[in-house]
Protein backbone atom coordinates (compact mmCIF):
# COMPACT_ATOMS: atom_id res chain seq x y z
CA UNK A 1 -28.63 51.37 95.50
CA UNK A 2 -26.30 52.95 93.10
CA UNK A 3 -28.58 55.97 92.90
CA UNK A 4 -28.69 56.29 96.67
CA UNK A 5 -24.93 56.10 96.95
CA UNK A 6 -24.52 58.69 94.24
CA UNK A 7 -26.81 61.14 95.99
CA UNK A 8 -25.21 60.73 99.43
CA UNK A 9 -21.68 61.16 98.14
CA UNK A 10 -21.28 64.85 97.56
CA UNK A 11 -18.08 66.11 96.09
CA UNK A 12 -15.75 67.51 98.79
CA UNK A 13 -15.60 71.26 99.04
CA UNK A 14 -12.38 72.80 97.85
CA UNK A 15 -10.63 74.80 100.48
CA UNK A 16 -9.83 78.27 99.31
CA UNK A 17 -6.35 79.60 98.94
CA UNK A 18 -7.30 82.72 100.85
CA UNK A 19 -5.93 81.56 104.28
CA UNK A 20 -2.63 80.57 102.65
CA UNK A 21 -2.30 83.94 100.94
CA UNK A 22 -3.15 85.81 104.14
CA UNK A 23 -0.54 83.81 106.07
CA UNK A 24 2.10 84.43 103.40
CA UNK A 25 1.38 88.17 103.31
CA UNK A 26 1.52 88.34 107.12
CA UNK A 27 4.85 86.52 107.21
CA UNK A 28 6.30 88.91 104.61
CA UNK A 29 5.06 91.95 106.53
CA UNK A 30 6.42 90.70 109.85
CA UNK A 31 9.76 89.74 108.29
CA UNK A 32 10.09 93.11 106.60
CA UNK A 33 9.15 94.93 109.78
CA UNK A 34 11.68 92.94 111.79
CA UNK A 35 14.41 93.68 109.26
CA UNK A 36 13.59 97.39 109.28
CA UNK A 37 13.51 97.54 113.08
CA UNK A 38 16.89 95.85 113.34
CA UNK A 39 18.51 97.80 110.49
CA UNK A 40 17.29 101.17 111.73
CA UNK A 41 18.55 100.47 115.25
CA UNK A 42 15.19 100.28 117.03
CA UNK A 43 15.97 96.81 118.42
CA UNK A 44 19.71 96.02 118.65
CA UNK A 45 21.29 99.45 118.86
CA UNK A 46 21.96 102.32 116.58
CA UNK A 47 23.09 101.63 113.02
CA UNK A 48 24.46 105.18 112.85
CA UNK A 49 26.79 104.46 115.78
CA UNK A 50 28.23 101.45 113.95
CA UNK A 51 29.05 103.46 110.84
CA UNK A 52 30.44 106.52 112.62
CA UNK A 53 34.13 107.00 111.93
CA UNK A 54 36.34 106.02 114.83
CA UNK A 55 38.90 108.61 115.84
CA UNK A 56 41.48 105.88 116.57
CA UNK A 57 40.93 103.97 113.32
CA UNK A 58 43.55 105.96 111.44
CA UNK A 59 46.25 105.65 114.11
CA UNK A 60 48.74 102.87 113.53
CA UNK A 61 50.22 101.03 116.49
CA UNK A 62 53.72 101.94 117.58
CA UNK A 63 55.49 98.90 116.09
CA UNK A 64 58.53 98.00 114.04
CA UNK A 65 59.16 94.87 112.00
CA UNK A 66 62.63 93.39 112.31
CA UNK A 67 63.61 90.80 109.68
CA UNK A 68 65.29 87.63 110.87
CA UNK A 69 67.97 86.07 108.67
CA UNK A 70 66.47 83.30 106.52
CA UNK A 71 67.24 79.79 107.73
CA UNK A 72 67.81 76.79 105.47
CA UNK A 73 67.75 73.38 107.12
CA UNK A 74 68.64 70.15 105.40
CA UNK A 75 66.15 67.38 106.09
CA UNK A 76 66.88 63.70 106.52
CA UNK A 77 66.96 61.09 103.75
CA UNK A 78 63.54 59.69 104.73
CA UNK A 79 61.90 63.02 103.85
CA UNK A 80 60.09 63.74 100.61
CA UNK A 81 61.67 67.21 100.62
CA UNK A 82 65.38 67.87 100.93
CA UNK A 83 65.42 71.34 102.54
CA UNK A 84 63.31 73.64 104.66
CA UNK A 85 63.64 77.35 103.90
CA UNK A 86 62.29 79.56 106.70
CA UNK A 87 62.13 83.36 106.79
CA UNK A 88 60.35 85.54 109.31
CA UNK A 89 60.00 88.98 110.84
CA UNK A 90 59.48 90.01 114.43
CA UNK A 91 56.79 92.50 115.42
CA UNK A 92 58.36 94.67 118.09
CA UNK A 93 57.39 97.84 119.92
CA UNK A 94 59.44 100.77 118.63
CA UNK A 95 60.90 101.37 122.08
CA UNK A 96 62.40 97.86 122.15
CA UNK A 97 63.58 97.66 118.52
CA UNK A 98 67.25 98.36 119.28
CA UNK A 99 67.34 95.76 122.07
CA UNK A 100 65.76 93.07 119.89
CA UNK A 101 68.07 93.97 116.97
CA UNK A 102 71.03 93.38 119.30
CA UNK A 103 69.70 89.89 120.16
CA UNK A 104 69.14 88.75 116.55
CA UNK A 105 72.03 86.22 116.57
CA UNK A 106 70.51 84.49 119.61
CA UNK A 107 67.06 84.55 118.02
CA UNK A 108 68.42 82.94 114.84
CA UNK A 109 70.16 80.30 116.96
CA UNK A 110 66.99 79.48 118.91
CA UNK A 111 64.88 79.23 115.74
CA UNK A 112 67.50 77.14 113.95
CA UNK A 113 67.87 74.77 116.92
CA UNK A 114 64.13 74.38 117.29
CA UNK A 115 63.46 73.73 113.59
CA UNK A 116 66.20 71.09 113.48
CA UNK A 117 64.69 69.34 116.49
CA UNK A 118 61.14 69.22 115.11
CA UNK A 119 60.14 65.86 113.75
CA UNK A 120 59.77 65.56 110.01
CA UNK A 121 56.11 64.54 110.27
CA UNK A 122 55.26 67.84 111.95
CA UNK A 123 57.08 69.87 109.31
CA UNK A 124 55.19 68.15 106.49
CA UNK A 125 51.78 68.54 108.16
CA UNK A 126 50.08 71.70 106.81
CA UNK A 127 47.96 72.08 109.95
CA UNK A 128 51.02 72.12 112.21
CA UNK A 129 52.28 75.54 111.08
CA UNK A 130 50.29 77.41 113.74
CA UNK A 131 51.65 75.16 116.51
CA UNK A 132 55.19 75.61 115.20
CA UNK A 133 54.70 79.38 115.06
CA UNK A 134 53.46 79.47 118.66
CA UNK A 135 56.42 77.39 119.85
CA UNK A 136 58.92 79.59 118.00
CA UNK A 137 57.33 82.80 119.31
CA UNK A 138 57.50 81.48 122.86
CA UNK A 139 61.20 80.68 122.47
CA UNK A 140 61.92 84.12 121.00
CA UNK A 141 60.08 85.78 123.87
CA UNK A 142 62.18 83.83 126.36
CA UNK A 143 65.37 85.05 124.68
CA UNK A 144 64.30 88.69 124.33
CA UNK A 145 62.12 89.15 127.38
CA UNK A 146 58.38 88.70 127.71
CA UNK A 147 57.12 92.12 126.59
CA UNK A 148 59.55 92.97 123.79
CA UNK A 149 58.36 90.79 120.88
CA UNK A 150 54.65 90.92 120.12
CA UNK A 151 54.44 88.43 117.24
CA UNK A 152 56.43 86.27 114.87
CA UNK A 153 55.40 86.74 111.26
CA UNK A 154 56.32 83.86 108.98
CA UNK A 155 57.05 85.14 105.50
CA UNK A 156 58.48 81.93 104.05
CA UNK A 157 58.08 78.27 105.01
CA UNK A 158 59.03 76.17 102.01
CA UNK A 159 59.81 72.47 101.88
CA UNK A 160 61.63 71.60 98.65
């Protein structure tokens, strides 16, 4: 019986690696072809149009930056820091620069009043700076008029 079992059990045939190699080569060819078609612009637009120099790229916008007087605010005794030092600049259209310059005392007053009213937890939270900036910009735009100040650029926000 052992001889009969030995003769009926044939060793399994090894599958060749040829189908695997053909599949790998096909995948490489298709991937390379897809990359070339996309890069050359045959599929998603012209690559040459993306790299063409833009005639407006060299032109700077018609803006002026007006510095706001730095503000130092003393914080309460429950704070880890003792003072907040805040400095900023206003991005203004050149046509409105003189008008905004005239309103700088009011802008400083609004920013000072707002920063003193903000809770200490918000000042110490690093993620809150964008919310504070948006609130301050909105208040400055109310003082100066909606279309005069484009942005508030914070150059210093130090708790020490």
